[in-house]
Amino acid sequence: MKTNSLLDPYVRRARLQPALLVALPVALAVLAWFPTDALVAGALWSFIVWSGGTALIAQVARDRGKAKEPELFAKWGGRPTARLLRHNDSANPVMVEHRHRKLALVLPNVHMPSRDEEMANPKAADAVYDACTVYLLEKTRSRDAFPLVFEANCDYGFRRNFWGMKPLGLTLAFLAAAAIGLLLYRDVATDDSIRPVPVASAVVAAALVVGWLGLFKPNWVKTTADAFAERLLAALENL
């Protein structure tokens, strides 16, 4: 079961790592400008960890991702699991019927909508599918029993939370790239040798700017969301 502890694999992979990746350009800029102060920076980071700073940024990443999730679902036409359970959206009606039969067995008190009922009241049908999703999420929390569900959940959580911090991430990456670029310009203008650390830092910061502008978009998150939904529904075979 997921916890808020940084020792928990889900917390590290889906919450802490995206937050640290967003903050990476700042660390690169500081390292490029003040390479001799690496020891001081290490001591400062140790203090941040000890005082709970990493736990805080993990929570911030999670909150930003969850806050943006309704926006993602709206762009995608609904929760991924609901879309896979709909009669009228599916490219594979046989699989939809199979999933409905499986859900009817594990949730005998829940009426699974027929195609006509879904067409007559799509919101009511989605409410049933969302309830089924909540049930499956609770039943598949064991990493040992459902390792594929856990892996897919980590992948989705990472991308959702990372994308949720896009305004901050893009701003920090752009400012860091500009700061490191200024340092390189100064070195060239003063005939100082070009050091590899600032060059490498500039490349990483610039790559993150390009990523934020061209790659890290809702469809990038959707790929993992759909994969997670597929794995979650596939777990019905083992319930």
C-alpha atoms as a PDB file:
ATOM      1  CA  MET A   1       0.000   0.000   0.000  1.00  0.00           C
ATOM      2  CA  LYS A   2       1.223   3.481  -0.830  1.00  0.00           C
ATOM      3  CA  THR A   3       2.368   5.688   2.029  1.00  0.00           C
ATOM      4  CA  ASN A   4       3.810   9.172   2.334  1.00  0.00           C
ATOM      5  CA  SER A   5       7.218   7.837   3.413  1.00  0.00           C
ATOM      6  CA  LEU A   6      10.139   8.640   1.130  1.00  0.00           C
ATOM      7  CA  LEU A   7      11.159   5.008   1.558  1.00  0.00           C
ATOM      8  CA  ASP A   8       8.048   3.954  -0.319  1.00  0.00           C
ATOM      9  CA  PRO A   9       8.906   3.179  -3.974  1.00  0.00           C
ATOM     10  CA  TYR A  10       5.793   4.919  -5.301  1.00  0.00           C
ATOM     11  CA  VAL A  11       6.514   8.119  -3.360  1.00  0.00           C
ATOM     12  CA  ARG A  12      10.099   8.196  -4.616  1.00  0.00           C
ATOM     13  CA  ARG A  13       9.294   7.446  -8.252  1.00  0.00           C
ATOM     14  CA  ALA A  14       6.012   9.269  -8.761  1.00  0.00           C
ATOM     15  CA  ARG A  15       6.357  12.221  -6.379  1.00  0.00           C
ATOM     16  CA  LEU A  16       9.937  12.913  -5.343  1.00  0.00           C
ATOM     17  CA  GLN A  17      11.701  12.253  -8.644  1.00  0.00           C
ATOM     18  CA  PRO A  18       9.549  14.603 -10.757  1.00  0.00           C
ATOM     19  CA  ALA A  19       9.935  17.348  -8.151  1.00  0.00           C
ATOM     20  CA  LEU A  20      13.713  16.925  -8.104  1.00  0.00           C
ATOM     21  CA  LEU A  21      13.805  16.937 -11.901  1.00  0.00           C
ATOM     22  CA  VAL A  22      11.931  20.243 -11.930  1.00  0.00           C
ATOM     23  CA  ALA A  23      14.475  21.676  -9.475  1.00  0.00           C
ATOM     24  CA  LEU A  24      17.484  20.226 -11.346  1.00  0.00           C
ATOM     25  CA  PRO A  25      18.167  23.308 -13.517  1.00  0.00           C
ATOM     26  CA  VAL A  26      18.639  25.438 -10.397  1.00  0.00           C
ATOM     27  CA  ALA A  27      21.211  23.006  -9.038  1.00  0.00           C
ATOM     28  CA  LEU A  28      22.989  22.976 -12.405  1.00  0.00           C
ATOM     29  CA  ALA A  29      23.121  26.773 -12.539  1.00  0.00           C
ATOM     30  CA  VAL A  30      24.530  26.985  -9.017  1.00  0.00           C
ATOM     31  CA  LEU A  31      27.118  24.308  -9.819  1.00  0.00           C
ATOM     32  CA  ALA A  32      28.149  26.095 -13.013  1.00  0.00           C
ATOM     33  CA  TRP A  33      28.547  29.481 -11.339  1.00  0.00           C
ATOM     34  CA  PHE A  34      30.017  28.312  -8.022  1.00  0.00           C
ATOM     35  CA  PRO A  35      31.902  25.026  -8.648  1.00  0.00           C
ATOM     36  CA  THR A  36      34.192  25.528  -5.669  1.00  0.00           C
ATOM     37  CA  ASP A  37      31.235  25.683  -3.283  1.00  0.00           C
ATOM     38  CA  ALA A  38      30.101  22.119  -3.957  1.00  0.00           C
ATOM     39  CA  LEU A  39      30.909  21.103  -0.370  1.00  0.00           C
ATOM     40  CA  VAL A  40      28.718  23.892   1.008  1.00  0.00           C
ATOM     41  CA  ALA A  41      25.937  22.910  -1.390  1.00  0.00           C
ATOM     42  CA  GLY A  42      26.186  19.299  -0.214  1.00  0.00           C
ATOM     43  CA  ALA A  43      25.889  20.351   3.408  1.00  0.00           C
ATOM     44  CA  LEU A  44      22.900  22.556   2.557  1.00  0.00           C
ATOM     45  CA  TRP A  45      21.204  19.680   0.749  1.00  0.00           C
ATOM     46  CA  SER A  46      21.785  17.395   3.733  1.00  0.00           C
ATOM     47  CA  PHE A  47      20.113  19.967   5.963  1.00  0.00           C
ATOM     48  CA  ILE A  48      17.171  20.217   3.559  1.00  0.00           C
ATOM     49  CA  VAL A  49      16.725  16.432   3.605  1.00  0.00           C
ATOM     50  CA  TRP A  50      17.054  16.253   7.386  1.00  0.00           C
ATOM     51  CA  SER A  51      14.501  19.031   7.933  1.00  0.00           C
ATOM     52  CA  GLY A  52      11.904  17.358   5.725  1.00  0.00           C
ATOM     53  CA  GLY A  53      12.429  19.444   2.614  1.00  0.00           C
ATOM     54  CA  THR A  54      12.381  16.468   0.264  1.00  0.00           C
ATOM     55  CA  ALA A  55       9.158  15.202   1.817  1.00  0.00           C
ATOM     56  CA  LEU A  56       7.650  18.644   1.284  1.00  0.00           C
ATOM     57  CA  ILE A  57       8.554  18.858  -2.390  1.00  0.00           C
ATOM     58  CA  ALA A  58       7.231  15.323  -2.902  1.00  0.00           C
ATOM     59  CA  GLN A  59       3.907  16.448  -1.452  1.00  0.00           C
ATOM     60  CA  VAL A  60       3.916  19.585  -3.608  1.00  0.00           C
ATOM     61  CA  ALA A  61       4.471  17.453  -6.713  1.00  0.00           C
ATOM     62  CA  ARG A  62       1.603  15.165  -5.758  1.00  0.00           C
ATOM     63  CA  ASP A  63      -0.751  18.069  -5.024  1.00  0.00           C
ATOM     64  CA  ARG A  64       0.033  19.784  -8.333  1.00  0.00           C
ATOM     65  CA  GLY A  65      -0.504  16.565 -10.249  1.00  0.00           C
ATOM     66  CA  LYS A  66      -3.823  15.767  -8.560  1.00  0.00           C
ATOM     67  CA  ALA A  67      -5.019  19.341  -9.021  1.00  0.00           C
ATOM     68  CA  LYS A  68      -4.379  19.143 -12.761  1.00  0.00           C
ATOM     69  CA  GLU A  69      -5.857  15.651 -13.190  1.00  0.00           C
ATOM     70  CA  PRO A  70      -9.450  16.813 -13.850  1.00  0.00           C
ATOM     71  CA  GLU A  71      -8.101  19.024 -16.637  1.00  0.00           C
ATOM     72  CA  LEU A  72      -6.375  16.024 -18.162  1.00  0.00           C
ATOM     73  CA  PHE A  73      -9.483  13.849 -17.946  1.00  0.00           C
ATOM     74  CA  ALA A  74     -11.523  16.601 -19.614  1.00  0.00           C
ATOM     75  CA  LYS A  75      -9.025  16.790 -22.493  1.00  0.00           C
ATOM     76  CA  TRP A  76      -9.083  13.019 -22.915  1.00  0.00           C
ATOM     77  CA  GLY A  77     -12.849  12.628 -22.820  1.00  0.00           C
ATOM     78  CA  GLY A  78     -13.036  11.130 -19.348  1.00  0.00           C
ATOM     79  CA  ARG A  79     -11.099   8.942 -16.940  1.00  0.00           C
ATOM     80  CA  PRO A  80      -9.028   6.397 -18.920  1.00  0.00           C
ATOM     81  CA  THR A  81     -10.682   3.394 -17.254  1.00  0.00           C
ATOM     82  CA  ALA A  82     -14.141   4.812 -17.967  1.00  0.00           C
ATOM     83  CA  ARG A  83     -13.261   5.225 -21.635  1.00  0.00           C
ATOM     84  CA  LEU A  84     -12.142   1.589 -21.777  1.00  0.00           C
ATOM     85  CA  LEU A  85     -15.407   0.449 -20.209  1.00  0.00           C
ATOM     86  CA  ARG A  86     -17.732   2.432 -22.464  1.00  0.00           C
ATOM     87  CA  HIS A  87     -19.679   0.520 -25.084  1.00  0.00           C
ATOM     88  CA  ASN A  88     -19.836   3.480 -27.423  1.00  0.00           C
ATOM     89  CA  ASP A  89     -16.180   4.556 -27.333  1.00  0.00           C
ATOM     90  CA  SER A  90     -14.548   1.165 -27.658  1.00  0.00           C
ATOM     91  CA  ALA A  91     -12.846  -0.216 -30.739  1.00  0.00           C
ATOM     92  CA  ASN A  92     -13.174  -3.707 -29.220  1.00  0.00           C
ATOM     93  CA  PRO A  93     -16.757  -4.365 -28.064  1.00  0.00           C
ATOM     94  CA  VAL A  94     -15.918  -7.980 -27.226  1.00  0.00           C
ATOM     95  CA  MET A  95     -13.363  -6.830 -24.657  1.00  0.00           C
ATOM     96  CA  VAL A  96     -15.826  -4.328 -23.205  1.00  0.00           C
ATOM     97  CA  GLU A  97     -18.435  -7.035 -22.712  1.00  0.00           C
ATOM     98  CA  HIS A  98     -15.839  -9.293 -21.108  1.00  0.00           C
ATOM     99  CA  ARG A  99     -14.799  -6.594 -18.673  1.00  0.00           C
ATOM    100  CA  HIS A 100     -18.409  -5.856 -17.810  1.00  0.00           C
ATOM    101  CA  ARG A 101     -19.042  -9.532 -17.052  1.00  0.00           C
ATOM    102  CA  LYS A 102     -15.959  -9.686 -14.834  1.00  0.00           C
ATOM    103  CA  LEU A 103     -16.997  -6.548 -12.949  1.00  0.00           C
ATOM    104  CA  ALA A 104     -20.512  -7.915 -12.483  1.00  0.00           C
ATOM    105  CA  LEU A 105     -18.986 -10.970 -10.799  1.00  0.00           C
ATOM    106  CA  VAL A 106     -16.813  -9.038  -8.336  1.00  0.00           C
ATOM    107  CA  LEU A 107     -19.443  -6.298  -7.814  1.00  0.00           C
ATOM    108  CA  PRO A 108     -22.742  -8.159  -7.886  1.00  0.00           C
ATOM    109  CA  ASN A 109     -24.657  -5.230  -6.375  1.00  0.00           C
ATOM    110  CA  VAL A 110     -23.544  -2.832  -9.129  1.00  0.00           C
ATOM    111  CA  HIS A 111     -25.568  -2.774 -12.332  1.00  0.00           C
ATOM    112  CA  MET A 112     -23.286  -2.480 -15.352  1.00  0.00           C
ATOM    113  CA  PRO A 113     -24.918  -0.254 -17.996  1.00  0.00           C
ATOM    114  CA  SER A 114     -25.971  -1.734 -21.309  1.00  0.00           C
ATOM    115  CA  ARG A 115     -25.153   0.029 -24.570  1.00  0.00           C
ATOM    116  CA  ASP A 116     -28.632   1.584 -24.717  1.00  0.00           C
ATOM    117  CA  GLU A 117     -28.506   2.696 -21.070  1.00  0.00           C
ATOM    118  CA  GLU A 118     -25.093   4.242 -21.638  1.00  0.00           C
ATOM    119  CA  MET A 119     -26.341   6.165 -24.673  1.00  0.00           C
ATOM    120  CA  ALA A 120     -29.434   7.339 -22.789  1.00  0.00           C
ATOM    121  CA  ASN A 121     -27.467   8.597 -19.764  1.00  0.00           C
ATOM    122  CA  PRO A 122     -23.698   8.823 -20.360  1.00  0.00           C
ATOM    123  CA  LYS A 123     -23.023  10.619 -17.060  1.00  0.00           C
ATOM    124  CA  ALA A 124     -24.753   7.926 -15.023  1.00  0.00           C
ATOM    125  CA  ALA A 125     -22.834   5.244 -16.894  1.00  0.00           C
ATOM    126  CA  ASP A 126     -19.522   7.018 -16.253  1.00  0.00           C
ATOM    127  CA  ALA A 127     -20.411   7.253 -12.556  1.00  0.00           C
ATOM    128  CA  VAL A 128     -20.694   3.460 -12.491  1.00  0.00           C
ATOM    129  CA  TYR A 129     -17.408   3.046 -14.353  1.00  0.00           C
ATOM    130  CA  ASP A 130     -15.672   5.470 -11.993  1.00  0.00           C
ATOM    131  CA  ALA A 131     -16.998   3.518  -9.007  1.00  0.00           C
ATOM    132  CA  CYS A 132     -15.597   0.349 -10.548  1.00  0.00           C
ATOM    133  CA  THR A 133     -12.250   2.108 -10.925  1.00  0.00           C
ATOM    134  CA  VAL A 134     -12.183   3.050  -7.243  1.00  0.00           C
ATOM    135  CA  TYR A 135     -12.912  -0.565  -6.338  1.00  0.00           C
ATOM    136  CA  LEU A 136     -10.113  -1.862  -8.568  1.00  0.00           C
ATOM    137  CA  LEU A 137      -7.638   0.670  -7.212  1.00  0.00           C
ATOM    138  CA  GLU A 138      -8.310  -0.541  -3.684  1.00  0.00           C
ATOM    139  CA  LYS A 139      -8.109  -4.214  -4.647  1.00  0.00           C
ATOM    140  CA  THR A 140      -4.808  -3.909  -6.508  1.00  0.00           C
ATOM    141  CA  ARG A 141      -2.718  -1.937  -4.032  1.00  0.00           C
ATOM    142  CA  SER A 142      -0.458  -4.905  -3.253  1.00  0.00           C
ATOM    143  CA  ARG A 143       2.781  -4.479  -5.212  1.00  0.00           C
ATOM    144  CA  ASP A 144       3.595  -8.159  -4.797  1.00  0.00           C
ATOM    145  CA  ALA A 145       0.245  -9.420  -6.063  1.00  0.00           C
ATOM    146  CA  PHE A 146      -0.115  -6.875  -8.890  1.00  0.00           C
ATOM    147  CA  PRO A 147       3.409  -5.791  -9.941  1.00  0.00           C
ATOM    148  CA  LEU A 148       2.377  -4.699 -13.444  1.00  0.00           C
ATOM    149  CA  VAL A 149      -0.351  -2.445 -12.044  1.00  0.00           C
ATOM    150  CA  PHE A 150       2.156  -0.910  -9.636  1.00  0.00           C
ATOM    151  CA  GLU A 151       4.711  -0.243 -12.378  1.00  0.00           C
ATOM    152  CA  ALA A 152       2.101   1.358 -14.627  1.00  0.00           C
ATOM    153  CA  ASN A 153       0.833   3.458 -11.718  1.00  0.00           C
ATOM    154  CA  CYS A 154       4.359   4.735 -11.005  1.00  0.00           C
ATOM    155  CA  ASP A 155       4.859   5.672 -14.644  1.00  0.00           C
ATOM    156  CA  TYR A 156       1.559   7.531 -14.787  1.00  0.00           C
ATOM    157  CA  GLY A 157       2.102   9.229 -11.424  1.00  0.00           C
ATOM    158  CA  PHE A 158       5.543  10.449 -12.492  1.00  0.00           C
ATOM    159  CA  ARG A 159       4.325  11.997 -15.744  1.00  0.00           C
ATOM    160  CA  ARG A 160       1.153  13.451 -14.235  1.00  0.00           C
ATOM    161  CA  ASN A 161       2.982  15.089 -11.345  1.00  0.00           C
ATOM    162  CA  PHE A 162       5.852  16.273 -13.545  1.00  0.00           C
ATOM    163  CA  TRP A 163       3.461  17.823 -16.068  1.00  0.00           C
ATOM    164  CA  GLY A 164       1.455  19.344 -13.221  1.00  0.00           C
ATOM    165  CA  MET A 165       4.492  21.464 -12.336  1.00  0.00           C
ATOM    166  CA  LYS A 166       5.005  22.696 -15.907  1.00  0.00           C
ATOM    167  CA  PRO A 167       4.763  26.467 -15.205  1.00  0.00           C
ATOM    168  CA  LEU A 168       7.412  26.223 -12.487  1.00  0.00           C
ATOM    169  CA  GLY A 169       9.523  23.713 -14.391  1.00  0.00           C
ATOM    170  CA  LEU A 170       9.601  25.761 -17.588  1.00  0.00           C
ATOM    171  CA  THR A 171      10.421  28.956 -15.697  1.00  0.00           C
ATOM    172  CA  LEU A 172      13.282  27.389 -13.735  1.00  0.00           C
ATOM    173  CA  ALA A 173      14.716  25.647 -16.797  1.00  0.00           C
ATOM    174  CA  PHE A 174      14.600  28.848 -18.864  1.00  0.00           C
ATOM    175  CA  LEU A 175      16.173  30.983 -16.132  1.00  0.00           C
ATOM    176  CA  ALA A 176      18.871  28.399 -15.487  1.00  0.00           C
ATOM    177  CA  ALA A 177      19.697  28.108 -19.204  1.00  0.00           C
ATOM    178  CA  ALA A 178      19.924  31.887 -19.433  1.00  0.00           C
ATOM    179  CA  ALA A 179      22.126  32.130 -16.337  1.00  0.00           C
ATOM    180  CA  ILE A 180      24.508  29.436 -17.562  1.00  0.00           C
ATOM    181  CA  GLY A 181      24.522  30.977 -21.037  1.00  0.00           C
ATOM    182  CA  LEU A 182      25.546  34.293 -19.488  1.00  0.00           C
ATOM    183  CA  LEU A 183      28.394  32.544 -17.691  1.00  0.00           C
ATOM    184  CA  LEU A 184      29.618  30.956 -20.925  1.00  0.00           C
ATOM    185  CA  TYR A 185      29.392  34.303 -22.718  1.00  0.00           C
ATOM    186  CA  ARG A 186      31.448  35.934 -19.972  1.00  0.00           C
ATOM    187  CA  ASP A 187      34.112  33.212 -20.230  1.00  0.00           C
ATOM    188  CA  VAL A 188      34.346  33.635 -23.995  1.00  0.00           C
ATOM    189  CA  ALA A 189      34.418  37.438 -23.750  1.00  0.00           C
ATOM    190  CA  THR A 190      37.253  37.335 -21.205  1.00  0.00           C
ATOM    191  CA  ASP A 191      39.191  34.639 -23.085  1.00  0.00           C
ATOM    192  CA  ASP A 192      38.776  32.187 -20.230  1.00  0.00           C
ATOM    193  CA  SER A 193      38.789  28.519 -21.118  1.00  0.00           C
ATOM    194  CA  ILE A 194      35.383  26.951 -21.601  1.00  0.00           C
ATOM    195  CA  ARG A 195      34.792  24.559 -18.733  1.00  0.00           C
ATOM    196  CA  PRO A 196      32.927  21.299 -19.387  1.00  0.00           C
ATOM    197  CA  VAL A 197      30.594  21.567 -16.384  1.00  0.00           C
ATOM    198  CA  PRO A 198      28.863  24.797 -17.490  1.00  0.00           C
ATOM    199  CA  VAL A 199      28.582  23.465 -21.049  1.00  0.00           C
ATOM    200  CA  ALA A 200      27.008  20.219 -19.895  1.00  0.00           C
ATOM    201  CA  SER A 201      24.722  22.107 -17.500  1.00  0.00           C
ATOM    202  CA  ALA A 202      23.603  24.439 -20.270  1.00  0.00           C
ATOM    203  CA  VAL A 203      22.804  21.504 -22.536  1.00  0.00           C
ATOM    204  CA  VAL A 204      20.675  19.812 -19.859  1.00  0.00           C
ATOM    205  CA  ALA A 205      18.833  23.022 -18.955  1.00  0.00           C
ATOM    206  CA  ALA A 206      18.200  23.819 -22.620  1.00  0.00           C
ATOM    207  CA  ALA A 207      16.993  20.261 -23.223  1.00  0.00           C
ATOM    208  CA  LEU A 208      14.480  20.653 -20.408  1.00  0.00           C
ATOM    209  CA  VAL A 209      13.236  23.925 -21.920  1.00  0.00           C
ATOM    210  CA  VAL A 210      12.728  22.157 -25.256  1.00  0.00           C
ATOM    211  CA  GLY A 211      11.046  19.272 -23.489  1.00  0.00           C
ATOM    212  CA  TRP A 212       8.633  21.533 -21.620  1.00  0.00           C
ATOM    213  CA  LEU A 213       7.733  23.363 -24.820  1.00  0.00           C
ATOM    214  CA  GLY A 214       7.488  20.415 -27.191  1.00  0.00           C
ATOM    215  CA  LEU A 215       7.250  17.076 -25.376  1.00  0.00           C
ATOM    216  CA  PHE A 216       5.791  17.339 -21.890  1.00  0.00           C
ATOM    217  CA  LYS A 217       2.154  17.791 -22.880  1.00  0.00           C
ATOM    218  CA  PRO A 218      -1.174  16.129 -21.961  1.00  0.00           C
ATOM    219  CA  ASN A 219      -0.748  13.465 -24.659  1.00  0.00           C
ATOM    220  CA  TRP A 220       2.623  12.560 -23.123  1.00  0.00           C
ATOM    221  CA  VAL A 221       0.828  11.883 -19.848  1.00  0.00           C
ATOM    222  CA  LYS A 222      -2.052  10.115 -21.634  1.00  0.00           C
ATOM    223  CA  THR A 223       0.227   7.371 -22.935  1.00  0.00           C
ATOM    224  CA  THR A 224       0.990   6.180 -19.422  1.00  0.00           C
ATOM    225  CA  ALA A 225      -2.552   6.859 -18.170  1.00  0.00           C
ATOM    226  CA  ASP A 226      -3.975   4.551 -20.836  1.00  0.00           C
ATOM    227  CA  ALA A 227      -1.370   1.898 -20.043  1.00  0.00           C
ATOM    228  CA  PHE A 228      -2.266   2.105 -16.346  1.00  0.00           C
ATOM    229  CA  ALA A 229      -5.966   1.769 -17.158  1.00  0.00           C
ATOM    230  CA  GLU A 230      -5.254  -1.305 -19.288  1.00  0.00           C
ATOM    231  CA  ARG A 231      -3.243  -2.957 -16.514  1.00  0.00           C
ATOM    232  CA  LEU A 232      -5.849  -2.075 -13.892  1.00  0.00           C
ATOM    233  CA  LEU A 233      -8.655  -3.664 -15.888  1.00  0.00           C
ATOM    234  CA  ALA A 234      -6.489  -6.647 -16.769  1.00  0.00           C
ATOM    235  CA  ALA A 235      -6.187  -7.314 -13.026  1.00  0.00           C
ATOM    236  CA  LEU A 236      -9.834  -8.395 -13.132  1.00  0.00           C
ATOM    237  CA  GLU A 237      -8.560 -11.752 -14.369  1.00  0.00           C
ATOM    238  CA  ASN A 238      -6.947 -12.327 -10.962  1.00  0.00           C
ATOM    239  CA  LEU A 239      -9.708 -11.073  -8.655  1.00  0.00           C
END
